[in-house]
Amino acid sequence: MGDFDYRKYWDLGFTWDDYLGNEVKEHRDLWHGVWTRSRVPEWATAAAPAGEWKVLVISEDWCGDASNTVPVIARLAETLPNVEMRVVKRDEHPELMDRHLTSGSRSIPLAVVLRPDWSVAGQWGPRPSELQDFVLREKKAELRPVGDIYRDVRTWYARDRGETTIREILAVFEADSPRRAAA
């Protein structure tokens, strides 16, 4: 992923306030509700990564997984003084999305963690790994309607309250720490 210009997409991206306030049209109440209820636990603040980081989130407002995770990532970025976040729309930037496919699919949301030199430290998405495994297993089994599966997904998000998303995003920062320490 060497010569790709992530800074261009960062500059085109929306700040969280602008995205939530002006770009979210579908499921607006859900987005606002998750944002309002999101909290970053003390353990997460204590685990804050060293150095400066940027999180470029690829999303769309119609996506249920995005409405349950992007506000949580935004709250994390707001809480950690050395982390910034911007949001770009997947459908407006297919060339960016195509660099970060999930098993060949344009699955969102996707958080691309960038170092200060605009190189990719790692990525997260399209949903917490435990939940992703559940959804893929259930869809493959073809035993229940997709609507029933997604009802369980919504319940999982409500019970988790963003904690797994926070843990997994922090793990992306942590995984890059040995590289940064060696530099």
Protein backbone atom coordinates (compact mmCIF):
# COMPACT_ATOMS: atom_id res chain seq x y z
CA MET A 1 0.00 0.00 0.00
CA GLY A 2 3.07 2.18 -0.42
CA ASP A 3 2.34 5.07 -2.81
CA PHE A 4 -1.36 5.52 -2.16
CA ASP A 5 -2.18 9.08 -1.06
CA TYR A 6 -4.10 8.67 2.20
CA ARG A 7 -3.57 12.33 3.01
CA LYS A 8 -5.79 13.23 0.03
CA TYR A 9 -8.65 11.20 1.50
CA TRP A 10 -8.01 12.63 4.95
CA ASP A 11 -8.32 16.13 3.51
CA LEU A 12 -11.55 15.12 1.73
CA GLY A 13 -12.92 13.49 4.86
CA PHE A 14 -15.51 14.92 7.19
CA THR A 15 -14.82 15.77 10.79
CA TRP A 16 -17.06 13.81 13.13
CA ASP A 17 -19.17 16.85 13.97
CA ASP A 18 -19.69 17.62 10.28
CA TYR A 19 -20.44 14.00 9.38
CA LEU A 20 -22.93 13.49 12.20
CA GLY A 21 -24.48 16.92 11.85
CA ASN A 22 -24.72 17.21 8.08
CA GLU A 23 -24.03 13.91 6.34
CA VAL A 24 -26.00 11.36 8.37
CA LYS A 25 -29.48 11.27 6.84
CA GLU A 26 -30.55 7.65 7.34
CA HIS A 27 -31.04 6.22 10.84
CA ARG A 28 -30.22 9.66 12.26
CA ASP A 29 -31.74 8.89 15.67
CA LEU A 30 -29.68 5.70 15.99
CA TRP A 31 -26.43 7.49 15.11
CA HIS A 32 -27.16 10.27 17.60
CA GLY A 33 -28.28 7.83 20.27
CA VAL A 34 -25.13 5.72 20.05
CA TRP A 35 -23.00 8.89 20.05
CA THR A 36 -24.81 10.29 23.09
CA ARG A 37 -24.49 7.03 25.07
CA SER A 38 -20.88 6.28 24.06
CA ARG A 39 -18.34 6.40 26.85
CA VAL A 40 -14.64 5.59 26.86
CA PRO A 41 -13.83 3.56 29.97
CA GLU A 42 -10.90 4.53 32.19
CA TRP A 43 -9.01 1.37 31.21
CA ALA A 44 -9.11 2.52 27.58
CA THR A 45 -7.83 5.98 28.42
CA ALA A 46 -5.01 4.36 30.41
CA ALA A 47 -4.19 2.18 27.37
CA ALA A 48 -3.94 5.21 25.07
CA PRO A 49 -1.30 4.77 22.39
CA ALA A 50 1.84 6.88 22.34
CA GLY A 51 2.52 9.09 19.35
CA GLU A 52 0.20 10.83 16.93
CA TRP A 53 -2.44 8.85 15.04
CA LYS A 54 -5.12 9.43 12.45
CA VAL A 55 -8.10 7.15 11.95
CA LEU A 56 -9.71 7.38 8.52
CA VAL A 57 -13.12 5.73 8.69
CA ILE A 58 -14.83 4.51 5.52
CA SER A 59 -18.58 4.46 6.11
CA GLU A 60 -22.10 5.18 4.89
CA ASP A 61 -25.02 6.36 6.99
CA TRP A 62 -27.33 3.51 5.92
CA CYS A 63 -25.05 0.85 7.43
CA GLY A 64 -26.27 -0.61 10.72
CA ASP A 65 -22.80 -1.72 11.76
CA ALA A 66 -21.49 1.79 11.08
CA SER A 67 -24.19 3.43 13.17
CA ASN A 68 -23.23 1.15 16.08
CA THR A 69 -19.44 1.49 15.84
CA VAL A 70 -18.40 4.75 14.14
CA PRO A 71 -19.83 6.91 16.97
CA VAL A 72 -17.84 4.78 19.42
CA ILE A 73 -14.64 5.26 17.41
CA ALA A 74 -15.40 8.99 17.25
CA ARG A 75 -15.82 9.12 21.03
CA LEU A 76 -12.48 7.30 21.44
CA ALA A 77 -10.75 9.77 19.12
CA GLU A 78 -12.35 12.67 20.97
CA THR A 79 -11.14 11.32 24.31
CA LEU A 80 -7.56 10.50 23.33
CA PRO A 81 -5.63 13.74 22.73
CA ASN A 82 -3.24 12.24 20.18
CA VAL A 83 -5.86 10.59 17.96
CA GLU A 84 -7.84 12.33 15.22
CA MET A 85 -10.63 10.87 13.11
CA ARG A 86 -12.20 11.70 9.78
CA VAL A 87 -14.96 9.94 7.85
CA VAL A 88 -15.15 9.37 4.11
CA LYS A 89 -18.10 7.94 2.25
CA ARG A 90 -17.45 4.53 0.75
CA ASP A 91 -19.60 5.07 -2.32
CA GLU A 92 -17.83 8.33 -3.21
CA HIS A 93 -14.36 6.79 -2.94
CA PRO A 94 -14.40 3.26 -4.39
CA GLU A 95 -10.67 3.40 -5.15
CA LEU A 96 -9.98 3.83 -1.42
CA MET A 97 -12.48 1.15 -0.42
CA ASP A 98 -11.04 -1.30 -2.94
CA ARG A 99 -7.67 -1.13 -1.16
CA HIS A 100 -9.33 -2.41 2.02
CA LEU A 101 -11.73 -5.16 0.98
CA THR A 102 -12.97 -7.74 3.48
CA SER A 103 -12.84 -11.14 1.79
CA GLY A 104 -13.35 -9.41 -1.56
CA SER A 105 -16.29 -7.34 -0.32
CA ARG A 106 -16.69 -3.58 0.20
CA SER A 107 -17.77 -4.16 3.79
CA ILE A 108 -18.09 -1.15 6.06
CA PRO A 109 -17.36 0.47 8.35
CA LEU A 110 -13.64 0.21 8.03
CA ALA A 111 -11.18 2.19 10.14
CA VAL A 112 -7.76 2.70 8.57
CA VAL A 113 -5.19 3.66 11.21
CA LEU A 114 -2.54 5.99 9.82
CA ARG A 115 0.88 6.93 11.14
CA PRO A 116 2.13 10.54 11.02
CA ASP A 117 3.83 9.81 7.66
CA TRP A 118 0.41 8.74 6.23
CA SER A 119 1.39 5.08 5.99
CA VAL A 120 -1.07 2.44 7.14
CA ALA A 121 -0.45 1.03 10.62
CA GLY A 122 -3.44 -1.31 10.42
CA GLN A 123 -7.16 -1.46 9.95
CA TRP A 124 -10.28 -2.52 11.77
CA GLY A 125 -13.72 -3.55 10.58
CA PRO A 126 -16.32 -4.12 9.42
CA ARG A 127 -17.54 -5.11 12.88
CA PRO A 128 -16.01 -6.53 16.08
CA SER A 129 -14.35 -9.86 15.31
CA GLU A 130 -16.59 -11.94 17.62
CA LEU A 131 -19.67 -10.47 15.98
CA GLN A 132 -18.21 -10.86 12.49
CA ASP A 133 -17.58 -14.54 13.16
CA PHE A 134 -21.16 -14.95 14.38
CA VAL A 135 -22.68 -13.22 11.32
CA LEU A 136 -20.57 -15.19 8.84
CA ARG A 137 -21.33 -18.48 10.60
CA GLU A 138 -25.08 -17.77 10.73
CA LYS A 139 -25.27 -16.67 7.10
CA LYS A 140 -23.31 -19.71 5.95
CA ALA A 141 -25.58 -22.07 7.89
CA GLU A 142 -28.64 -20.60 6.10
CA LEU A 143 -30.91 -21.76 8.95
CA ARG A 144 -32.47 -18.40 9.82
CA PRO A 145 -33.67 -15.38 7.90
CA VAL A 146 -31.13 -12.56 7.65
CA GLY A 147 -33.54 -10.29 9.54
CA ASP A 148 -33.34 -12.60 12.56
CA ILE A 149 -29.56 -12.59 12.40
CA TYR A 150 -29.45 -8.80 12.31
CA ARG A 151 -31.86 -8.58 15.25
CA ASP A 152 -29.27 -10.58 17.21
CA VAL A 153 -26.55 -8.25 15.92
CA ARG A 154 -28.43 -5.21 17.26
CA THR A 155 -28.84 -6.94 20.62
CA TRP A 156 -25.12 -7.74 20.71
CA TYR A 157 -24.22 -4.10 20.05
CA ALA A 158 -26.60 -2.88 22.76
CA ARG A 159 -25.10 -5.23 25.35
CA ASP A 160 -21.49 -4.58 24.36
CA ARG A 161 -21.85 -0.76 24.44
CA GLY A 162 -18.82 -0.30 22.19
CA GLU A 163 -16.33 -1.94 24.52
CA THR A 164 -15.16 -4.56 22.02
CA THR A 165 -14.80 -1.96 19.28
CA ILE A 166 -12.63 0.16 21.59
CA ARG A 167 -10.49 -2.84 22.58
CA GLU A 168 -9.95 -3.85 18.97
CA ILE A 169 -9.09 -0.33 17.78
CA LEU A 170 -6.61 0.05 20.64
CA ALA A 171 -5.10 -3.31 19.62
CA VAL A 172 -4.39 -1.89 16.14
CA PHE A 173 -2.41 0.95 17.72
CA GLU A 174 -0.64 -1.47 20.05
CA ALA A 175 0.30 -3.84 17.22
CA ASP A 176 2.20 -0.99 15.56
CA SER A 177 4.04 0.06 18.73
CA PRO A 178 7.04 -2.31 18.28
CA ARG A 179 7.58 -0.89 14.78
CA ARG A 180 7.45 2.67 16.10
CA ALA A 181 9.79 1.91 18.99
CA ALA A 182 12.36 0.48 16.54
CA ALA A 183 12.17 3.53 14.25
